[in-house]
Amino acid sequence: MAIPSRVILLVEDSCQEQLIVRYLRKLGLGMHTMRIVKSPAGAGSGEQWVRTQFPKEVSACRNRHAETKLIVLVDADTHSVPARLQQLGHALDEAQVQRIERNEEIACLVPRRNIETWILCLNDEQVDENTDYKGRHADWSQLIRTGSTSLYRCTRPNAAIPPHYVPSLHAAISELQRMNFKP
């Protein structure tokens, strides 16, 4: 499959946005191919906002005539990854939007506990999925830069995923590989 004409990114915050945009840029996608839908700052729960927007963006992805992919990033926070995915499914049900089929170009990436866990993990720090690492660094930019390179390497065919990567990151890598981004 060729590079899509459009990738919709539905994210909670700037760290999620920066990580996924840098990853997609490493795949060769230009900024003009991305439509970023980010929770407005100060608007309350980013997770709840993403869940509310999710059915609209799934419909937008499905209704485009050109090839379009949707990548959703939503933190699990204190929930499990399956529980957060179930909440996204319920949001589709409530909006009367068909649930996502496995063959659709829609990926739901759910960091447990939050995206900062993945960023540290991608930078070879030992982390767990219960600790909140948000306050650990004042500026995440450099860690996101190197983390996006690690994420890119791990999604390449036959890449070895480091054993210390947390389960939610393993799941995300599989989802990104399933998206089949090819130049």
N, C-alpha and C. Protein backbone atom coordinates (compact mmCIF):
# COMPACT_ATOMS: atom_id res chain seq x y z
N MET A 1 0.84 -1.17 0.00
CA MET A 1 0.00 0.00 0.00
C MET A 1 0.89 1.24 0.00
N ALA A 2 0.56 2.22 -0.79
CA ALA A 2 1.34 3.45 -0.89
C ALA A 2 1.09 4.34 0.31
N ILE A 3 1.91 5.39 0.43
CA ILE A 3 1.71 6.37 1.48
C ILE A 3 0.32 6.96 1.29
N PRO A 4 -0.46 7.07 2.35
CA PRO A 4 -1.82 7.58 2.23
C PRO A 4 -1.83 9.06 1.88
N SER A 5 -2.95 9.51 1.32
CA SER A 5 -3.06 10.92 1.00
C SER A 5 -3.33 11.74 2.26
N ARG A 6 -3.80 11.08 3.30
CA ARG A 6 -4.11 11.80 4.52
C ARG A 6 -4.01 10.85 5.71
N VAL A 7 -3.43 11.37 6.80
CA VAL A 7 -3.41 10.66 8.07
C VAL A 7 -4.03 11.60 9.10
N ILE A 8 -5.08 11.13 9.74
CA ILE A 8 -5.71 11.90 10.80
C ILE A 8 -5.10 11.44 12.11
N LEU A 9 -4.63 12.38 12.91
CA LEU A 9 -4.05 12.08 14.22
C LEU A 9 -4.95 12.67 15.28
N LEU A 10 -5.51 11.83 16.12
CA LEU A 10 -6.36 12.26 17.22
C LEU A 10 -5.58 12.04 18.50
N VAL A 11 -5.20 13.14 19.17
CA VAL A 11 -4.30 13.04 20.32
C VAL A 11 -4.80 13.90 21.49
N GLU A 12 -4.31 13.53 22.67
CA GLU A 12 -4.64 14.26 23.90
C GLU A 12 -3.79 15.49 24.11
N ASP A 13 -2.49 15.41 23.80
CA ASP A 13 -1.59 16.48 24.22
C ASP A 13 -0.39 16.61 23.28
N SER A 14 0.45 17.59 23.58
CA SER A 14 1.61 17.89 22.73
C SER A 14 2.64 16.77 22.70
N CYS A 15 2.86 16.09 23.82
CA CYS A 15 3.84 14.99 23.82
C CYS A 15 3.40 13.87 22.88
N GLN A 16 2.12 13.51 22.93
CA GLN A 16 1.60 12.48 22.02
C GLN A 16 1.75 12.95 20.58
N GLU A 17 1.36 14.21 20.33
CA GLU A 17 1.45 14.77 18.98
C GLU A 17 2.88 14.73 18.46
N GLN A 18 3.83 15.21 19.26
CA GLN A 18 5.22 15.27 18.83
C GLN A 18 5.77 13.88 18.52
N LEU A 19 5.47 12.90 19.37
CA LEU A 19 5.99 11.56 19.16
C LEU A 19 5.46 10.96 17.86
N ILE A 20 4.16 11.03 17.65
CA ILE A 20 3.58 10.38 16.46
C ILE A 20 3.93 11.15 15.18
N VAL A 21 3.99 12.47 15.25
CA VAL A 21 4.37 13.25 14.07
C VAL A 21 5.82 12.96 13.69
N ARG A 22 6.71 12.94 14.67
CA ARG A 22 8.12 12.63 14.37
C ARG A 22 8.26 11.21 13.79
N TYR A 23 7.50 10.28 14.32
CA TYR A 23 7.51 8.92 13.81
C TYR A 23 7.05 8.91 12.33
N LEU A 24 5.95 9.56 12.05
CA LEU A 24 5.42 9.58 10.68
C LEU A 24 6.37 10.29 9.72
N ARG A 25 7.04 11.33 10.19
CA ARG A 25 8.02 12.03 9.36
C ARG A 25 9.18 11.09 9.00
N LYS A 26 9.58 10.23 9.94
CA LYS A 26 10.65 9.26 9.67
C LYS A 26 10.20 8.24 8.62
N LEU A 27 8.88 8.02 8.53
CA LEU A 27 8.34 7.13 7.51
C LEU A 27 8.27 7.80 6.14
N GLY A 28 8.52 9.11 6.11
CA GLY A 28 8.51 9.83 4.85
C GLY A 28 7.26 10.64 4.59
N LEU A 29 6.37 10.73 5.56
CA LEU A 29 5.16 11.52 5.38
C LEU A 29 5.45 12.99 5.66
N GLY A 30 4.90 13.84 4.83
CA GLY A 30 5.05 15.27 5.03
C GLY A 30 3.94 15.80 5.93
N MET A 31 4.18 16.95 6.51
CA MET A 31 3.17 17.57 7.38
C MET A 31 1.87 17.83 6.63
N HIS A 32 1.96 18.07 5.32
CA HIS A 32 0.75 18.35 4.54
C HIS A 32 -0.18 17.13 4.46
N THR A 33 0.33 15.94 4.77
CA THR A 33 -0.52 14.74 4.74
C THR A 33 -1.23 14.50 6.06
N MET A 34 -0.87 15.28 7.09
CA MET A 34 -1.40 15.04 8.43
C MET A 34 -2.43 16.09 8.83
N ARG A 35 -3.53 15.61 9.37
CA ARG A 35 -4.50 16.50 10.01
C ARG A 35 -4.48 16.15 11.49
N ILE A 36 -4.04 17.09 12.30
CA ILE A 36 -3.88 16.85 13.73
C ILE A 36 -5.08 17.41 14.47
N VAL A 37 -5.71 16.53 15.24
CA VAL A 37 -6.87 16.90 16.04
C VAL A 37 -6.44 16.69 17.49
N LYS A 38 -6.16 17.81 18.19
CA LYS A 38 -5.61 17.74 19.54
C LYS A 38 -6.56 18.39 20.53
N SER A 39 -6.66 17.78 21.69
CA SER A 39 -7.48 18.33 22.77
C SER A 39 -7.03 19.75 23.08
N PRO A 40 -7.99 20.67 23.15
CA PRO A 40 -7.61 22.05 23.47
C PRO A 40 -7.07 22.15 24.90
N ALA A 41 -6.01 22.91 25.07
CA ALA A 41 -5.42 23.09 26.40
C ALA A 41 -6.43 23.74 27.34
N GLY A 42 -6.48 23.23 28.55
CA GLY A 42 -7.37 23.81 29.55
C GLY A 42 -8.83 23.45 29.39
N ALA A 43 -9.12 22.48 28.52
CA ALA A 43 -10.52 22.12 28.26
C ALA A 43 -10.97 20.92 29.09
N GLY A 44 -10.23 20.58 30.13
CA GLY A 44 -10.61 19.44 30.96
C GLY A 44 -9.82 18.21 30.58
N SER A 45 -10.43 17.05 30.77
CA SER A 45 -9.78 15.77 30.53
C SER A 45 -9.49 15.56 29.04
N GLY A 46 -8.21 15.41 28.71
CA GLY A 46 -7.83 15.12 27.33
C GLY A 46 -8.35 13.78 26.89
N GLU A 47 -8.33 12.81 27.78
CA GLU A 47 -8.83 11.47 27.46
C GLU A 47 -10.31 11.52 27.11
N GLN A 48 -11.08 12.23 27.91
CA GLN A 48 -12.53 12.33 27.65
C GLN A 48 -12.78 13.06 26.34
N TRP A 49 -12.00 14.08 26.05
CA TRP A 49 -12.15 14.83 24.81
C TRP A 49 -11.87 13.92 23.61
N VAL A 50 -10.79 13.12 23.69
CA VAL A 50 -10.47 12.20 22.60
C VAL A 50 -11.61 11.21 22.40
N ARG A 51 -12.13 10.68 23.50
CA ARG A 51 -13.23 9.71 23.42
C ARG A 51 -14.47 10.33 22.76
N THR A 52 -14.73 11.59 23.04
CA THR A 52 -15.87 12.29 22.45
C THR A 52 -15.66 12.51 20.95
N GLN A 53 -14.43 12.84 20.55
CA GLN A 53 -14.12 13.12 19.14
C GLN A 53 -13.95 11.85 18.31
N PHE A 54 -13.68 10.75 18.96
CA PHE A 54 -13.35 9.50 18.28
C PHE A 54 -14.39 9.08 17.23
N PRO A 55 -15.69 9.03 17.54
CA PRO A 55 -16.65 8.62 16.50
C PRO A 55 -16.65 9.55 15.28
N LYS A 56 -16.50 10.84 15.52
CA LYS A 56 -16.49 11.81 14.41
C LYS A 56 -15.28 11.56 13.50
N GLU A 57 -14.12 11.29 14.10
CA GLU A 57 -12.91 11.08 13.29
C GLU A 57 -12.92 9.72 12.60
N VAL A 58 -13.52 8.71 13.22
CA VAL A 58 -13.68 7.41 12.54
C VAL A 58 -14.56 7.59 11.32
N SER A 59 -15.65 8.33 11.46
CA SER A 59 -16.54 8.58 10.33
C SER A 59 -15.83 9.39 9.25
N ALA A 60 -15.06 10.40 9.64
CA ALA A 60 -14.32 11.22 8.67
C ALA A 60 -13.33 10.36 7.89
N CYS A 61 -12.66 9.46 8.58
CA CYS A 61 -11.69 8.58 7.94
C CYS A 61 -12.38 7.67 6.92
N ARG A 62 -13.51 7.12 7.32
CA ARG A 62 -14.23 6.19 6.45
C ARG A 62 -14.88 6.89 5.26
N ASN A 63 -15.24 8.15 5.41
CA ASN A 63 -15.99 8.85 4.37
C ASN A 63 -15.12 9.54 3.33
N ARG A 64 -13.81 9.56 3.54
CA ARG A 64 -12.94 10.18 2.54
C ARG A 64 -12.80 9.25 1.33
N HIS A 65 -12.77 9.85 0.16
CA HIS A 65 -12.60 9.06 -1.06
C HIS A 65 -11.14 8.64 -1.25
N ALA A 66 -10.23 9.51 -0.84
CA ALA A 66 -8.81 9.18 -0.93
C ALA A 66 -8.42 8.29 0.25
N GLU A 67 -7.35 7.53 0.07
CA GLU A 67 -6.90 6.65 1.14
C GLU A 67 -6.54 7.48 2.38
N THR A 68 -7.14 7.12 3.48
CA THR A 68 -6.93 7.85 4.73
C THR A 68 -6.73 6.86 5.86
N LYS A 69 -5.81 7.20 6.75
CA LYS A 69 -5.57 6.39 7.94
C LYS A 69 -5.86 7.26 9.16
N LEU A 70 -6.26 6.61 10.24
CA LEU A 70 -6.52 7.31 11.50
C LEU A 70 -5.67 6.68 12.58
N ILE A 71 -4.92 7.52 13.31
CA ILE A 71 -4.15 7.06 14.46
C ILE A 71 -4.66 7.83 15.67
N VAL A 72 -5.11 7.08 16.66
CA VAL A 72 -5.64 7.66 17.89
C VAL A 72 -4.67 7.35 19.02
N LEU A 73 -4.30 8.36 19.77
CA LEU A 73 -3.47 8.18 20.96
C LEU A 73 -4.27 8.67 22.16
N VAL A 74 -4.49 7.78 23.11
CA VAL A 74 -5.22 8.13 24.32
C VAL A 74 -4.61 7.37 25.48
N ASP A 75 -4.26 8.11 26.53
CA ASP A 75 -3.65 7.47 27.70
C ASP A 75 -4.63 6.56 28.42
N ALA A 76 -4.13 5.45 28.93
CA ALA A 76 -4.97 4.57 29.75
C ALA A 76 -5.14 5.14 31.15
N ASP A 77 -4.21 6.01 31.56
CA ASP A 77 -4.21 6.56 32.92
C ASP A 77 -4.20 5.40 33.92
N THR A 78 -5.14 5.36 34.84
CA THR A 78 -5.14 4.29 35.85
C THR A 78 -5.97 3.09 35.41
N HIS A 79 -6.53 3.14 34.21
CA HIS A 79 -7.30 2.01 33.67
C HIS A 79 -6.36 1.03 32.96
N SER A 80 -6.88 -0.10 32.60
CA SER A 80 -6.11 -1.03 31.78
C SER A 80 -6.28 -0.63 30.31
N VAL A 81 -5.38 -1.12 29.47
CA VAL A 81 -5.49 -0.85 28.03
C VAL A 81 -6.80 -1.42 27.48
N PRO A 82 -7.16 -2.68 27.79
CA PRO A 82 -8.44 -3.20 27.29
C PRO A 82 -9.65 -2.37 27.76
N ALA A 83 -9.60 -1.86 28.98
CA ALA A 83 -10.71 -1.04 29.48
C ALA A 83 -10.83 0.26 28.68
N ARG A 84 -9.68 0.88 28.36
CA ARG A 84 -9.71 2.12 27.58
C ARG A 84 -10.21 1.84 26.16
N LEU A 85 -9.77 0.74 25.57
CA LEU A 85 -10.25 0.37 24.23
C LEU A 85 -11.74 0.09 24.25
N GLN A 86 -12.21 -0.52 25.32
CA GLN A 86 -13.65 -0.78 25.46
C GLN A 86 -14.42 0.53 25.54
N GLN A 87 -13.88 1.52 26.23
CA GLN A 87 -14.53 2.83 26.31
C GLN A 87 -14.62 3.47 24.92
N LEU A 88 -13.57 3.32 24.13
CA LEU A 88 -13.62 3.85 22.76
C LEU A 88 -14.69 3.13 21.94
N GLY A 89 -14.80 1.83 22.12
CA GLY A 89 -15.85 1.07 21.44
C GLY A 89 -17.24 1.53 21.85
N HIS A 90 -17.43 1.78 23.14
CA HIS A 90 -18.72 2.28 23.62
C HIS A 90 -19.04 3.66 23.04
N ALA A 91 -18.01 4.49 22.86
CA ALA A 91 -18.22 5.81 22.26
C ALA A 91 -18.75 5.66 20.84
N LEU A 92 -18.22 4.67 20.10
CA LEU A 92 -18.73 4.41 18.75
C LEU A 92 -20.17 3.93 18.81
N ASP A 93 -20.47 3.02 19.73
CA ASP A 93 -21.83 2.51 19.87
C ASP A 93 -22.82 3.64 20.17
N GLU A 94 -22.45 4.51 21.11
CA GLU A 94 -23.34 5.60 21.49
C GLU A 94 -23.59 6.56 20.34
N ALA A 95 -22.61 6.73 19.47
CA ALA A 95 -22.75 7.62 18.31
C ALA A 95 -23.32 6.88 17.11
N GLN A 96 -23.64 5.62 17.28
CA GLN A 96 -24.16 4.76 16.21
C GLN A 96 -23.21 4.69 15.02
N VAL A 97 -21.94 4.55 15.34
CA VAL A 97 -20.89 4.38 14.33
C VAL A 97 -20.40 2.95 14.46
N GLN A 98 -20.28 2.27 13.32
CA GLN A 98 -19.84 0.87 13.33
C GLN A 98 -18.47 0.73 13.98
N ARG A 99 -18.33 -0.32 14.77
CA ARG A 99 -17.04 -0.60 15.42
C ARG A 99 -15.97 -0.86 14.37
N ILE A 100 -14.73 -0.70 14.79
CA ILE A 100 -13.59 -0.82 13.88
C ILE A 100 -13.33 -2.29 13.56
N GLU A 101 -13.16 -2.56 12.28
CA GLU A 101 -12.79 -3.89 11.81
C GLU A 101 -11.27 -4.00 11.79
N ARG A 102 -10.77 -5.17 11.95
CA ARG A 102 -9.31 -5.40 12.02
C ARG A 102 -8.60 -4.95 10.73
N ASN A 103 -9.27 -5.03 9.60
CA ASN A 103 -8.63 -4.68 8.33
C ASN A 103 -8.67 -3.18 8.03
N GLU A 104 -9.31 -2.39 8.87
CA GLU A 104 -9.37 -0.95 8.63
C GLU A 104 -8.06 -0.29 9.01
N GLU A 105 -7.77 0.81 8.36
CA GLU A 105 -6.54 1.57 8.60
C GLU A 105 -6.76 2.54 9.76
N ILE A 106 -7.19 1.99 10.89
CA ILE A 106 -7.44 2.77 12.10
C ILE A 106 -6.69 2.09 13.24
N ALA A 107 -5.79 2.84 13.87
CA ALA A 107 -4.99 2.30 14.97
C ALA A 107 -5.29 3.08 16.24
N CYS A 108 -5.56 2.36 17.30
CA CYS A 108 -5.76 2.96 18.62
C CYS A 108 -4.56 2.60 19.48
N LEU A 109 -3.76 3.60 19.80
CA LEU A 109 -2.55 3.41 20.59
C LEU A 109 -2.83 3.91 22.00
N VAL A 110 -2.66 3.02 22.98
CA VAL A 110 -3.04 3.35 24.35
C VAL A 110 -1.86 3.13 25.29
N PRO A 111 -1.12 4.21 25.58
CA PRO A 111 -0.04 4.09 26.55
C PRO A 111 -0.59 3.89 27.96
N ARG A 112 -0.01 2.97 28.68
CA ARG A 112 -0.38 2.78 30.08
C ARG A 112 0.83 3.14 30.91
N ARG A 113 0.81 3.97 31.65
CA ARG A 113 -0.11 4.89 32.26
C ARG A 113 -0.32 6.13 31.40
N ASN A 114 0.77 6.64 30.84
CA ASN A 114 0.66 7.78 29.93
C ASN A 114 1.80 7.75 28.92
N ILE A 115 1.77 8.68 27.98
CA ILE A 115 2.74 8.68 26.89
C ILE A 115 4.17 8.83 27.41
N GLU A 116 4.33 9.50 28.53
CA GLU A 116 5.68 9.67 29.09
C GLU A 116 6.31 8.33 29.45
N THR A 117 5.48 7.35 29.81
CA THR A 117 5.99 5.99 30.07
C THR A 117 6.66 5.45 28.81
N TRP A 118 5.99 5.60 27.68
CA TRP A 118 6.55 5.11 26.41
C TRP A 118 7.82 5.88 26.04
N ILE A 119 7.79 7.20 26.21
CA ILE A 119 8.94 8.02 25.82
C ILE A 119 10.18 7.57 26.60
N LEU A 120 10.03 7.37 27.89
CA LEU A 120 11.16 6.89 28.69
C LEU A 120 11.58 5.49 28.27
N CYS A 121 10.62 4.63 28.05
CA CYS A 121 10.91 3.26 27.64
C CYS A 121 11.66 3.24 26.30
N LEU A 122 11.22 4.06 25.36
CA LEU A 122 11.87 4.15 24.05
C LEU A 122 13.29 4.71 24.15
N ASN A 123 13.59 5.35 25.27
CA ASN A 123 14.93 5.86 25.54
C ASN A 123 15.71 4.94 26.47
N ASP A 124 15.28 3.68 26.52
CA ASP A 124 15.96 2.61 27.26
C ASP A 124 15.99 2.80 28.77
N GLU A 125 15.01 3.51 29.30
CA GLU A 125 14.88 3.60 30.75
C GLU A 125 13.94 2.49 31.21
N GLN A 126 14.26 1.91 32.35
CA GLN A 126 13.39 0.89 32.93
C GLN A 126 12.18 1.59 33.55
N VAL A 127 10.99 1.22 33.10
CA VAL A 127 9.76 1.83 33.60
C VAL A 127 8.75 0.74 33.89
N ASP A 128 7.72 1.13 34.62
CA ASP A 128 6.57 0.23 34.80
C ASP A 128 5.33 1.00 34.35
N GLU A 129 4.23 0.30 34.23
CA GLU A 129 3.02 0.94 33.70
C GLU A 129 2.08 1.44 34.80
N ASN A 130 2.54 1.47 36.02
CA ASN A 130 1.73 1.98 37.12
C ASN A 130 2.19 3.35 37.60
N THR A 131 3.46 3.67 37.40
CA THR A 131 4.02 4.93 37.87
C THR A 131 3.69 6.06 36.90
N ASP A 132 3.35 7.22 37.44
CA ASP A 132 3.11 8.41 36.63
C ASP A 132 4.44 9.14 36.46
N TYR A 133 4.97 9.15 35.23
CA TYR A 133 6.27 9.76 34.95
C TYR A 133 6.17 11.18 34.41
N LYS A 134 4.97 11.74 34.32
CA LYS A 134 4.78 13.07 33.71
C LYS A 134 5.70 14.13 34.29
N GLY A 135 5.86 14.19 35.59
CA GLY A 135 6.65 15.24 36.22
C GLY A 135 8.14 14.99 36.26
N ARG A 136 8.59 13.92 35.64
CA ARG A 136 10.00 13.54 35.74
C ARG A 136 10.93 14.51 34.99
N HIS A 137 10.49 15.07 33.87
CA HIS A 137 11.32 15.98 33.07
C HIS A 137 10.55 17.26 32.78
N ALA A 138 11.28 18.37 32.76
CA ALA A 138 10.64 19.65 32.43
C ALA A 138 10.47 19.78 30.91
N ASP A 139 11.43 19.28 30.15
CA ASP A 139 11.39 19.38 28.70
C ASP A 139 11.55 17.98 28.10
N TRP A 140 10.51 17.50 27.46
CA TRP A 140 10.51 16.15 26.90
C TRP A 140 11.01 16.13 25.45
N SER A 141 11.30 17.29 24.87
CA SER A 141 11.60 17.38 23.43
C SER A 141 12.72 16.45 22.97
N GLN A 142 13.86 16.46 23.65
CA GLN A 142 14.98 15.62 23.24
C GLN A 142 14.63 14.14 23.39
N LEU A 143 13.95 13.80 24.48
CA LEU A 143 13.56 12.40 24.67
C LEU A 143 12.56 11.95 23.61
N ILE A 144 11.68 12.83 23.19
CA ILE A 144 10.72 12.50 22.12
C ILE A 144 11.47 12.29 20.81
N ARG A 145 12.45 13.13 20.54
CA ARG A 145 13.23 13.02 19.31
C ARG A 145 13.91 11.65 19.22
N THR A 146 14.62 11.26 20.27
CA THR A 146 15.30 9.97 20.23
C THR A 146 14.30 8.82 20.35
N GLY A 147 13.23 9.03 21.10
CA GLY A 147 12.20 8.00 21.24
C GLY A 147 11.50 7.70 19.93
N SER A 148 11.26 8.73 19.12
CA SER A 148 10.60 8.50 17.83
C SER A 148 11.49 7.68 16.90
N THR A 149 12.80 7.86 17.00
CA THR A 149 13.74 7.06 16.21
C THR A 149 13.67 5.60 16.65
N SER A 150 13.62 5.37 17.95
CA SER A 150 13.50 3.99 18.46
C SER A 150 12.19 3.37 18.01
N LEU A 151 11.11 4.14 18.07
CA LEU A 151 9.80 3.63 17.63
C LEU A 151 9.85 3.26 16.15
N TYR A 152 10.44 4.11 15.35
CA TYR A 152 10.58 3.83 13.93
C TYR A 152 11.34 2.52 13.71
N ARG A 153 12.48 2.37 14.37
CA ARG A 153 13.28 1.15 14.19
C ARG A 153 12.48 -0.10 14.58
N CYS A 154 11.70 0.00 15.65
CA CYS A 154 10.95 -1.17 16.13
C CYS A 154 9.80 -1.57 15.21
N THR A 155 9.34 -0.66 14.37
CA THR A 155 8.22 -0.99 13.48
C THR A 155 8.68 -1.47 12.11
N ARG A 156 9.98 -1.50 11.88
CA ARG A 156 10.51 -1.99 10.61
C ARG A 156 10.34 -3.50 10.55
N PRO A 157 10.22 -4.07 9.35
CA PRO A 157 10.08 -5.53 9.22
C PRO A 157 11.22 -6.27 9.91
N ASN A 158 10.87 -7.31 10.61
CA ASN A 158 11.81 -8.18 11.31
C ASN A 158 12.63 -7.49 12.40
N ALA A 159 12.14 -6.35 12.88
CA ALA A 159 12.87 -5.65 13.95
C ALA A 159 12.71 -6.41 15.26
N ALA A 160 13.77 -6.38 16.04
CA ALA A 160 13.72 -6.98 17.38
C ALA A 160 13.26 -5.91 18.36
N ILE A 161 12.25 -6.23 19.12
CA ILE A 161 11.74 -5.29 20.12
C ILE A 161 12.45 -5.58 21.43
N PRO A 162 13.06 -4.55 22.01
CA PRO A 162 13.78 -4.77 23.27
C PRO A 162 12.88 -5.41 24.34
N PRO A 163 13.42 -6.33 25.11
CA PRO A 163 12.61 -7.06 26.09
C PRO A 163 12.08 -6.19 27.23
N HIS A 164 12.70 -5.04 27.48
CA HIS A 164 12.24 -4.19 28.58
C HIS A 164 11.06 -3.29 28.19
N TYR A 165 10.64 -3.33 26.92
CA TYR A 165 9.50 -2.51 26.50
C TYR A 165 8.23 -3.00 27.19
N VAL A 166 7.44 -2.06 27.68
CA VAL A 166 6.22 -2.38 28.42
C VAL A 166 5.17 -2.95 27.47
N PRO A 167 4.23 -3.75 28.00
CA PRO A 167 3.22 -4.40 27.14
C PRO A 167 2.40 -3.44 26.27
N SER A 168 2.02 -2.29 26.79
CA SER A 168 1.22 -1.38 25.97
C SER A 168 2.02 -0.85 24.78
N LEU A 169 3.33 -0.70 24.92
CA LEU A 169 4.18 -0.27 23.81
C LEU A 169 4.32 -1.39 22.79
N HIS A 170 4.45 -2.62 23.25
CA HIS A 170 4.46 -3.77 22.33
C HIS A 170 3.19 -3.77 21.47
N ALA A 171 2.05 -3.55 22.12
CA ALA A 171 0.76 -3.54 21.40
C ALA A 171 0.73 -2.41 20.38
N ALA A 172 1.25 -1.25 20.75
CA ALA A 172 1.26 -0.11 19.83
C ALA A 172 2.16 -0.38 18.62
N ILE A 173 3.29 -1.00 18.85
CA ILE A 173 4.19 -1.33 17.74
C ILE A 173 3.49 -2.27 16.77
N SER A 174 2.78 -3.26 17.29
CA SER A 174 2.01 -4.17 16.42
C SER A 174 0.95 -3.41 15.63
N GLU A 175 0.28 -2.48 16.28
CA GLU A 175 -0.74 -1.68 15.59
C GLU A 175 -0.12 -0.84 14.47
N LEU A 176 1.00 -0.22 14.75
CA LEU A 176 1.66 0.59 13.72
C LEU A 176 2.16 -0.27 12.57
N GLN A 177 2.66 -1.46 12.86
CA GLN A 177 3.07 -2.37 11.80
C GLN A 177 1.87 -2.78 10.95
N ARG A 178 0.75 -2.98 11.59
CA ARG A 178 -0.48 -3.35 10.88
C ARG A 178 -0.94 -2.25 9.93
N MET A 179 -0.61 -1.03 10.24
CA MET A 179 -1.02 0.11 9.40
C MET A 179 -0.34 0.08 8.03
N ASN A 180 0.76 -0.65 7.93
CA ASN A 180 1.39 -0.90 6.63
C ASN A 180 1.78 0.38 5.88
N PHE A 181 2.51 1.25 6.55
CA PHE A 181 3.03 2.45 5.89
C PHE A 181 4.21 2.04 5.01
N LYS A 182 4.10 2.29 3.73
CA LYS A 182 5.18 1.98 2.81
C LYS A 182 5.40 3.18 1.90
N PRO A 183 6.65 3.47 1.54
CA PRO A 183 6.93 4.60 0.63
C PRO A 183 6.44 4.31 -0.77
